[in-house]
């Protein structure tokens, strides 16, 4: 549902949200008082703007956390993809001194001239206060928070490149994925490459186009540092975008990475015209796999019931805007993996994640039949339909994970399913 932009009252609330966060909240309250009797979407949106202000806090890494925004936070977003651009734009709207770093010099010149990210968000003019740069050193120096929004394959190199310029800055990953070859999550890479920094990760059902269209959305910032969590909330929270907090970094990050696997599966299933029963079954069994894997590597299973788990899983599996869904849908229509990736023109993290998680699941004896099945289709040239039949026929399980014991062990079921897939 798009907001009715031709409604003058809604236009006021949109304009208010594009200013500093406090100005937007005050205007929202004012409009609410004038229109409480009218109800409808204006009252609902203004109601979201009601929030308490907190006293300023200062963390040991120098971030001045001030809801009054007297001293704007200094933000840089590394990576000009759709989500990185959306977050940079939101930060600039909230009154932060924000720079969007893009590697390509020509792209930066085009952004400075048109204020439009033609490749990823061609129908949106970016905020006039948002700065653009291709100079990495100048972009990260003297900033409070560095948001990293490059593909997972480039995160380590990017962190190595900014290492000489790190003094007090905190680093927050916006990237969902797992590093190929090491099975390192983005927070693991941050700790390895920049062990001195305070860090966090952001994840959730965050389709960039919807955020840019001012559709109410939410995300999760996970960090061991409470002041950093508050600082990120300050930078990004608005009348249309809520930021919730968590201290389960691994759980939040795994939710964002693992759900890409099941978005590929859902896209493929929809290409075959499956019904609502099948989709519901796929979603719930996907959630079981995610939590089973998460617990095996130290995450809190309850985290998967939040925005970064079931929230992101639902959004990604049910939106044609999802890159992973699109890849799966093309595969289901008979397009080869290489051609599907070329046609998409963007990174679909799920393709790499399937291979990485398949390897880890076997190593740790974690039963993940949907992941096993997708790996067989993508990398072993197995028929999707025959694999789906095998998936339905293999093993008995209890419904809700961790509530009652299973009739058969994860290890036994994994071996049985592997034999069936390989035709042994």
Protein backbone atom coordinates (compact mmCIF):
# COMPACT_ATOMS: atom_id res chain seq x y z
CA UNK A 1 0.00 0.00 0.00
CA UNK A 2 1.47 3.36 -1.01
CA UNK A 3 0.69 6.44 1.04
CA UNK A 4 -1.78 8.79 -0.70
CA UNK A 5 0.74 11.50 -1.55
CA UNK A 6 -1.96 13.75 -3.07
CA UNK A 7 -3.58 14.10 0.39
CA UNK A 8 -2.31 17.48 1.70
CA UNK A 9 -2.31 16.32 5.32
CA UNK A 10 -0.25 13.25 4.51
CA UNK A 11 2.10 15.44 2.47
CA UNK A 12 2.68 17.54 5.59
CA UNK A 13 3.69 14.52 7.61
CA UNK A 14 6.03 13.33 4.83
CA UNK A 15 7.64 16.76 4.62
CA UNK A 16 7.96 16.87 8.41
CA UNK A 17 9.72 13.50 8.47
CA UNK A 18 12.23 14.68 5.88
CA UNK A 19 13.49 17.37 8.28
CA UNK A 20 15.42 16.71 11.46
CA UNK A 21 13.87 14.00 13.60
CA UNK A 22 12.72 16.31 16.38
CA UNK A 23 11.14 18.80 14.01
CA UNK A 24 9.32 15.93 12.34
CA UNK A 25 8.04 14.54 15.62
CA UNK A 26 6.80 17.95 16.84
CA UNK A 27 4.96 18.56 13.56
CA UNK A 28 3.44 15.08 13.73
CA UNK A 29 2.08 15.76 17.22
CA UNK A 30 0.67 19.09 16.06
CA UNK A 31 -1.10 17.52 13.10
CA UNK A 32 -2.44 14.75 15.32
CA UNK A 33 -4.04 17.25 17.71
CA UNK A 34 -5.77 18.96 14.75
CA UNK A 35 -7.04 15.76 13.19
CA UNK A 36 -7.78 13.28 16.00
CA UNK A 37 -11.48 13.42 15.21
CA UNK A 38 -10.81 12.54 11.57
CA UNK A 39 -8.86 9.31 12.36
CA UNK A 40 -7.46 7.40 9.39
CA UNK A 41 -3.86 7.11 8.20
CA UNK A 42 -2.76 10.57 9.39
CA UNK A 43 -3.67 9.79 12.99
CA UNK A 44 -1.98 6.41 12.78
CA UNK A 45 1.25 7.83 11.40
CA UNK A 46 1.35 10.63 13.93
CA UNK A 47 0.75 8.11 16.70
CA UNK A 48 3.95 6.34 15.63
CA UNK A 49 5.81 9.60 16.20
CA UNK A 50 5.08 9.68 19.95
CA UNK A 51 8.29 8.78 21.78
CA UNK A 52 10.17 9.84 24.88
CA UNK A 53 13.38 11.81 24.73
CA UNK A 54 16.37 10.50 26.67
CA UNK A 55 19.22 12.27 28.39
CA UNK A 56 22.44 12.52 26.34
CA UNK A 57 24.95 9.68 26.73
CA UNK A 58 28.57 9.43 25.73
CA UNK A 59 30.15 6.08 24.91
CA UNK A 60 33.83 5.32 25.34
CA UNK A 61 34.36 5.50 21.58
CA UNK A 62 33.27 9.14 21.43
CA UNK A 63 29.73 9.00 20.07
CA UNK A 64 27.63 11.80 21.57
CA UNK A 65 24.19 10.23 21.82
CA UNK A 66 21.80 13.14 21.94
CA UNK A 67 18.15 12.88 20.98
CA UNK A 68 18.03 16.67 20.74
CA UNK A 69 20.50 16.46 17.82
CA UNK A 70 22.22 19.72 18.86
CA UNK A 71 25.46 18.18 17.59
CA UNK A 72 24.55 16.07 14.55
CA UNK A 73 25.98 12.59 14.30
CA UNK A 74 28.59 12.23 11.57
CA UNK A 75 27.72 9.26 9.39
CA UNK A 76 29.25 7.57 6.36
CA UNK A 77 27.63 4.74 4.43
CA UNK A 78 30.06 2.64 2.39
CA UNK A 79 28.33 1.22 -0.67
CA UNK A 80 25.83 2.74 -3.10
CA UNK A 81 23.44 -0.19 -3.50
CA UNK A 82 19.73 0.14 -2.89
CA UNK A 83 19.72 -0.42 0.89
CA UNK A 84 22.90 1.57 1.56
CA UNK A 85 21.47 4.48 -0.41
CA UNK A 86 18.15 4.28 1.44
CA UNK A 87 19.86 4.33 4.85
CA UNK A 88 22.14 7.21 3.87
CA UNK A 89 19.15 9.17 2.64
CA UNK A 90 17.22 8.48 5.85
CA UNK A 91 20.18 9.55 7.98
CA UNK A 92 20.52 12.81 6.03
CA UNK A 93 16.79 13.48 6.42
CA UNK A 94 17.17 13.04 10.16
CA UNK A 95 19.72 15.86 10.29
CA UNK A 96 22.90 13.77 10.49
CA UNK A 97 25.98 14.89 8.57
CA UNK A 98 25.91 12.03 6.11
CA UNK A 99 28.18 10.94 3.25
CA UNK A 100 27.46 8.12 0.81
CA UNK A 101 30.72 6.59 -0.42
CA UNK A 102 30.68 4.93 -3.84
CA UNK A 103 33.76 3.35 -5.40
CA UNK A 104 33.17 4.60 -8.96
CA UNK A 105 34.12 8.24 -9.60
CA UNK A 106 31.73 8.63 -12.56
CA UNK A 107 28.83 7.36 -10.47
CA UNK A 108 29.63 9.90 -7.75
CA UNK A 109 29.65 12.75 -10.29
CA UNK A 110 26.27 11.58 -11.60
CA UNK A 111 24.87 11.44 -8.06
CA UNK A 112 26.15 14.93 -7.31
CA UNK A 113 24.59 16.26 -10.50
CA UNK A 114 21.20 14.52 -10.46
CA UNK A 115 20.84 13.32 -6.84
CA UNK A 116 19.40 10.11 -8.28
CA UNK A 117 20.86 6.61 -7.93
CA UNK A 118 19.97 5.64 -11.50
CA UNK A 119 20.99 2.00 -11.19
CA UNK A 120 19.24 1.03 -7.96
CA UNK A 121 16.63 3.72 -7.16
CA UNK A 122 15.98 5.52 -10.45
CA UNK A 123 12.64 7.04 -9.43
CA UNK A 124 13.75 8.77 -6.23
CA UNK A 125 15.51 12.11 -5.73
CA UNK A 126 17.83 11.90 -2.73
CA UNK A 127 17.87 14.41 0.11
CA UNK A 128 19.66 17.67 -0.68
CA UNK A 129 21.81 17.39 2.47
CA UNK A 130 23.29 14.00 1.52
CA UNK A 131 26.93 14.25 0.38
CA UNK A 132 28.63 11.87 -2.08
CA UNK A 133 32.27 10.85 -2.34
CA UNK A 134 34.62 8.33 -3.96
CA UNK A 135 37.50 9.24 -1.62
CA UNK A 136 37.49 6.47 0.98
CA UNK A 137 39.98 8.06 3.37
CA UNK A 138 38.19 11.42 3.53
CA UNK A 139 34.83 9.70 3.81
CA UNK A 140 35.64 7.71 6.97
CA UNK A 141 37.86 10.21 8.80
CA UNK A 142 36.26 12.06 11.73
CA UNK A 143 32.99 10.15 11.49
CA UNK A 144 31.03 8.74 14.42
CA UNK A 145 29.52 5.69 12.72
CA UNK A 146 30.63 3.85 9.59
CA UNK A 147 27.82 1.81 8.01
CA UNK A 148 29.17 -0.92 5.72
CA UNK A 149 26.74 -1.78 2.91
CA UNK A 150 28.95 -3.50 0.33
CA UNK A 151 28.36 -7.13 -0.82
CA UNK A 152 29.58 -9.79 1.63
CA UNK A 153 32.39 -10.75 -0.75
CA UNK A 154 33.82 -7.22 -0.46
CA UNK A 155 33.40 -6.56 3.28
CA UNK A 156 36.82 -7.84 4.37
CA UNK A 157 38.68 -5.86 1.70
CA UNK A 158 36.70 -2.73 2.54
CA UNK A 159 37.52 -3.01 6.24
CA UNK A 160 41.19 -3.56 5.46
CA UNK A 161 41.15 -0.43 3.30
CA UNK A 162 39.67 1.77 6.03
CA UNK A 163 41.86 0.36 8.83
CA UNK A 164 44.52 3.14 8.57
CA UNK A 165 41.85 5.80 9.12
CA UNK A 166 40.11 4.27 12.14
CA UNK A 167 40.45 6.27 15.35
CA UNK A 168 37.26 6.33 17.43
CA UNK A 169 34.62 5.32 14.86
CA UNK A 170 32.09 2.55 15.42
CA UNK A 171 31.38 0.14 12.54
CA UNK A 172 27.91 -1.21 11.76
CA UNK A 173 27.30 -3.81 9.06
CA UNK A 174 24.23 -3.47 6.85
CA UNK A 175 25.32 -6.49 4.80
CA UNK A 176 23.42 -9.76 5.03
CA UNK A 177 25.47 -12.78 4.13
CA UNK A 178 28.28 -15.18 4.90
CA UNK A 179 31.83 -14.88 3.61
CA UNK A 180 32.66 -17.53 1.04
CA UNK A 181 35.34 -19.97 2.11
CA UNK A 182 35.52 -18.96 5.79
CA UNK A 183 31.87 -19.06 6.88
CA UNK A 184 32.53 -15.80 8.70
CA UNK A 185 29.56 -13.56 9.45
CA UNK A 186 30.07 -9.84 8.89
CA UNK A 187 30.52 -9.21 12.62
CA UNK A 188 33.23 -11.89 12.68
CA UNK A 189 35.07 -10.08 9.89
CA UNK A 190 34.80 -6.75 11.72
CA UNK A 191 36.27 -8.32 14.88
CA UNK A 192 39.09 -9.91 12.90
CA UNK A 193 40.04 -6.88 10.81
CA UNK A 194 39.22 -4.05 13.26
CA UNK A 195 39.47 -5.63 16.72
CA UNK A 196 39.63 -2.25 18.47
CA UNK A 197 36.27 -0.89 17.25
CA UNK A 198 32.83 -1.03 18.75
CA UNK A 199 30.59 -2.79 16.27
CA UNK A 200 27.03 -3.73 15.46
CA UNK A 201 24.88 -5.26 12.74
CA UNK A 202 21.54 -4.19 11.29
CA UNK A 203 18.99 -6.55 9.85
CA UNK A 204 15.27 -6.85 9.27
CA UNK A 205 12.53 -6.80 6.62
CA UNK A 206 14.02 -3.82 4.83
CA UNK A 207 13.11 -3.63 1.15
CA UNK A 208 14.79 -0.40 0.07
CA UNK A 209 12.14 0.67 -2.41
CA UNK A 210 9.41 0.55 0.24
CA UNK A 211 11.56 2.56 2.65
CA UNK A 212 12.14 5.20 -0.04
CA UNK A 213 8.37 5.31 -0.65
CA UNK A 214 7.82 6.17 3.05
CA UNK A 215 6.01 2.92 3.76
CA UNK A 216 6.19 2.23 7.52
CA UNK A 217 9.07 -0.20 8.12
CA UNK A 218 11.33 -1.38 10.92
CA UNK A 219 14.78 -2.86 11.48
CA UNK A 220 16.95 -4.22 14.30
CA UNK A 221 20.32 -2.91 15.49
CA UNK A 222 22.25 -5.59 17.38
CA UNK A 223 25.35 -4.68 19.34
CA UNK A 224 26.99 -5.44 22.70
CA UNK A 225 27.24 -1.65 23.14
CA UNK A 226 24.04 -0.02 24.40
CA UNK A 227 25.22 3.53 23.53
CA UNK A 228 25.94 2.40 19.96
CA UNK A 229 22.47 0.91 19.69
CA UNK A 230 20.98 4.23 20.84
CA UNK A 231 23.20 6.17 18.41
CA UNK A 232 22.00 4.09 15.45
CA UNK A 233 18.40 4.53 16.55
CA UNK A 234 19.01 8.28 16.74
CA UNK A 235 20.48 8.38 13.25
CA UNK A 236 17.80 6.33 11.50
CA UNK A 237 14.57 6.42 13.51
CA UNK A 238 11.80 8.45 11.87
CA UNK A 239 8.02 8.67 11.59
CA UNK A 240 8.16 5.94 8.95
CA UNK A 241 11.15 3.84 10.04
CA UNK A 242 11.49 2.29 13.50
CA UNK A 243 14.74 0.81 14.80
CA UNK A 244 14.53 -1.81 17.54
CA UNK A 245 17.46 -2.98 19.67
CA UNK A 246 19.00 -6.39 20.41
CA UNK A 247 22.17 -7.69 22.02
CA UNK A 248 22.09 -11.04 20.15
CA UNK A 249 24.46 -10.12 17.34
CA UNK A 250 24.83 -13.67 16.05
CA UNK A 251 21.10 -14.39 16.05
CA UNK A 252 20.18 -11.15 14.27
CA UNK A 253 22.92 -11.64 11.71
CA UNK A 254 22.05 -15.30 11.05
CA UNK A 255 18.41 -14.38 10.52
CA UNK A 256 19.41 -11.90 7.83
CA UNK A 257 21.75 -14.37 6.15
CA UNK A 258 19.76 -17.61 6.36
CA UNK A 259 16.43 -16.20 5.15
CA UNK A 260 18.02 -15.62 1.73
CA UNK A 261 18.14 -19.40 1.28
CA UNK A 262 14.39 -19.73 1.70
CA UNK A 263 13.61 -16.73 -0.51
CA UNK A 264 15.28 -18.67 -3.34
CA UNK A 265 13.12 -21.68 -2.46
CA UNK A 266 9.93 -19.58 -2.38
CA UNK A 267 10.69 -17.95 -5.70
CA UNK A 268 11.24 -21.36 -7.23
CA UNK A 269 8.02 -22.71 -5.65
CA UNK A 270 5.96 -19.82 -7.02
CA UNK A 271 7.34 -20.48 -10.50
CA UNK A 272 5.70 -23.91 -10.23
CA UNK A 273 2.39 -22.37 -9.13
CA UNK A 274 2.15 -23.87 -5.66
CA UNK A 275 -0.77 -23.09 -3.34
CA UNK A 276 -1.01 -21.16 -0.08
CA UNK A 277 -0.72 -24.35 1.98
CA UNK A 278 2.65 -25.07 0.41
CA UNK A 279 3.90 -21.54 1.00
CA UNK A 280 2.85 -21.66 4.66
CA UNK A 281 4.56 -25.02 5.11
CA UNK A 282 7.73 -23.74 3.46
CA UNK A 283 7.85 -20.64 5.67
CA UNK A 284 7.34 -22.47 8.95
CA UNK A 285 9.78 -25.27 8.15
CA UNK A 286 12.29 -22.63 7.05
CA UNK A 287 11.94 -20.94 10.45
CA UNK A 288 12.56 -24.30 12.13
CA UNK A 289 15.73 -24.79 10.09
CA UNK A 290 16.96 -21.29 10.86
CA UNK A 291 16.48 -21.64 14.62
CA UNK A 292 17.97 -25.16 14.61
CA UNK A 293 21.09 -23.88 12.89
CA UNK A 294 21.26 -20.78 15.08
CA UNK A 295 21.19 -22.72 18.34
CA UNK A 296 23.92 -25.05 17.05
CA UNK A 297 26.27 -22.08 16.60
CA UNK A 298 25.36 -20.16 19.76
CA UNK A 299 22.43 -17.88 18.89
CA UNK A 300 19.29 -17.36 20.97
CA UNK A 301 16.38 -19.22 19.28
CA UNK A 302 13.91 -16.53 20.42
CA UNK A 303 15.70 -13.99 18.22
CA UNK A 304 14.33 -15.81 15.17
CA UNK A 305 10.79 -14.90 16.27
CA UNK A 306 11.57 -11.19 15.84
CA UNK A 307 12.02 -8.78 12.94
CA UNK A 308 15.39 -10.15 11.87
CA UNK A 309 14.02 -13.72 11.85
CA UNK A 310 10.42 -14.38 10.94
CA UNK A 311 9.91 -10.72 9.91
CA UNK A 312 12.68 -10.71 7.35
CA UNK A 313 11.84 -14.26 6.27
CA UNK A 314 8.23 -13.32 5.53
CA UNK A 315 9.08 -10.11 3.66
CA UNK A 316 11.84 -11.66 1.58
CA UNK A 317 9.86 -14.78 0.70
CA UNK A 318 6.73 -12.87 -0.31
CA UNK A 319 8.10 -9.94 -2.28
CA UNK A 320 8.95 -9.90 -5.96
CA UNK A 321 11.33 -7.04 -5.05
CA UNK A 322 13.60 -9.55 -3.26
CA UNK A 323 16.69 -10.37 -5.33
CA UNK A 324 16.86 -13.89 -3.90
CA UNK A 325 13.18 -14.48 -4.68
CA UNK A 326 13.80 -13.31 -8.24
CA UNK A 327 16.74 -15.69 -8.65
CA UNK A 328 14.65 -18.62 -7.42
CA UNK A 329 11.75 -17.67 -9.66
CA UNK A 330 14.00 -17.58 -12.73
CA UNK A 331 15.51 -20.95 -11.78
CA UNK A 332 12.02 -22.39 -11.45
CA UNK A 333 11.25 -21.21 -14.96
CA UNK A 334 14.22 -23.11 -16.36
CA UNK A 335 16.77 -20.29 -16.59
CA UNK A 336 20.29 -21.42 -15.67
CA UNK A 337 21.93 -20.06 -12.52
CA UNK A 338 24.58 -18.11 -14.45
CA UNK A 339 22.00 -16.51 -16.74
CA UNK A 340 19.69 -15.71 -13.83
CA UNK A 341 22.51 -13.89 -12.02
CA UNK A 342 23.37 -11.93 -15.19
CA UNK A 343 19.74 -11.02 -15.76
CA UNK A 344 19.29 -9.84 -12.18
CA UNK A 345 22.30 -7.51 -12.41
CA UNK A 346 22.66 -7.36 -8.60
CA UNK A 347 24.14 -9.54 -5.89
CA UNK A 348 21.82 -12.29 -4.61
CA UNK A 349 23.46 -13.38 -1.37
CA UNK A 350 21.32 -16.52 -1.12
CA UNK A 351 23.21 -18.31 -3.88
CA UNK A 352 26.47 -18.19 -1.92
CA UNK A 353 24.70 -18.76 1.40
CA UNK A 354 23.17 -22.05 0.23
CA UNK A 355 26.62 -23.50 -0.50
CA UNK A 356 28.12 -22.18 2.73
CA UNK A 357 25.32 -23.38 5.00
CA UNK A 358 25.14 -26.77 3.29
CA UNK A 359 28.81 -27.33 4.11
CA UNK A 360 28.43 -26.21 7.73
CA UNK A 361 25.22 -28.15 8.30
CA UNK A 362 26.90 -31.37 7.20
CA UNK A 363 29.96 -30.62 9.32
CA UNK A 364 27.82 -29.99 12.43
CA UNK A 365 25.20 -32.69 11.65
CA UNK A 366 22.32 -30.19 11.52
CA UNK A 367 19.22 -31.41 9.72
CA UNK A 368 18.34 -28.74 7.11
CA UNK A 369 16.35 -30.53 4.37
CA UNK A 370 15.28 -27.40 2.45
CA UNK A 371 18.89 -26.22 2.26
CA UNK A 372 20.07 -29.70 1.27
CA UNK A 373 17.43 -29.81 -1.47
CA UNK A 374 18.33 -26.38 -2.88
CA UNK A 375 22.01 -27.30 -2.94
CA UNK A 376 21.18 -30.43 -4.93
CA UNK A 377 19.20 -28.38 -7.48
CA UNK A 378 21.66 -25.50 -7.83
CA UNK A 379 24.99 -27.30 -7.63
CA UNK A 380 24.31 -30.97 -8.44
CA UNK A 381 21.85 -30.49 -11.34
CA UNK A 382 19.06 -32.41 -9.64
CA UNK A 383 15.45 -32.01 -10.78
CA UNK A 384 13.59 -29.55 -8.56
CA UNK A 385 10.34 -31.54 -8.72
CA UNK A 386 11.94 -34.87 -7.83
CA UNK A 387 13.86 -33.26 -4.97
CA UNK A 388 10.62 -31.70 -3.69
CA UNK A 389 8.95 -35.14 -3.63
CA UNK A 390 11.91 -36.54 -1.69
CA UNK A 391 11.64 -33.63 0.72
CA UNK A 392 8.00 -34.48 1.49
CA UNK A 393 8.64 -38.19 2.01
CA UNK A 394 11.71 -38.15 4.26
CA UNK A 395 11.57 -38.49 8.05
CA UNK A 396 9.12 -37.76 10.88
CA UNK A 397 9.51 -34.59 12.94
CA UNK A 398 7.73 -32.80 15.76
CA UNK A 399 6.25 -29.45 14.76
CA UNK A 400 7.71 -26.66 16.91
CA UNK A 401 11.47 -26.82 17.39
CA UNK A 402 12.80 -27.28 20.97
CA UNK A 403 9.32 -27.98 22.43
CA UNK A 404 9.31 -31.79 22.25
CA UNK A 405 11.92 -34.34 21.20
CA UNK A 406 12.12 -35.61 17.63
CA UNK A 407 11.53 -39.25 16.79
CA UNK A 408 14.81 -39.41 14.90
CA UNK A 409 18.12 -37.58 15.34
CA UNK A 410 19.24 -34.72 13.12
CA UNK A 411 22.31 -36.68 12.09
CA UNK A 412 20.33 -39.77 11.07
CA UNK A 413 17.79 -37.78 9.05
CA UNK A 414 20.54 -35.78 7.33
CA UNK A 415 22.27 -38.99 6.20
CA UNK A 416 19.00 -40.54 5.02
CA UNK A 417 18.03 -37.46 3.02
CA UNK A 418 21.49 -37.25 1.50
CA UNK A 419 21.22 -40.86 0.30
CA UNK A 420 17.79 -40.22 -1.23
CA UNK A 421 19.00 -37.07 -3.04
CA UNK A 422 22.01 -38.88 -4.47
CA UNK A 423 19.85 -41.84 -5.53
CA UNK A 424 21.71 -44.38 -3.41
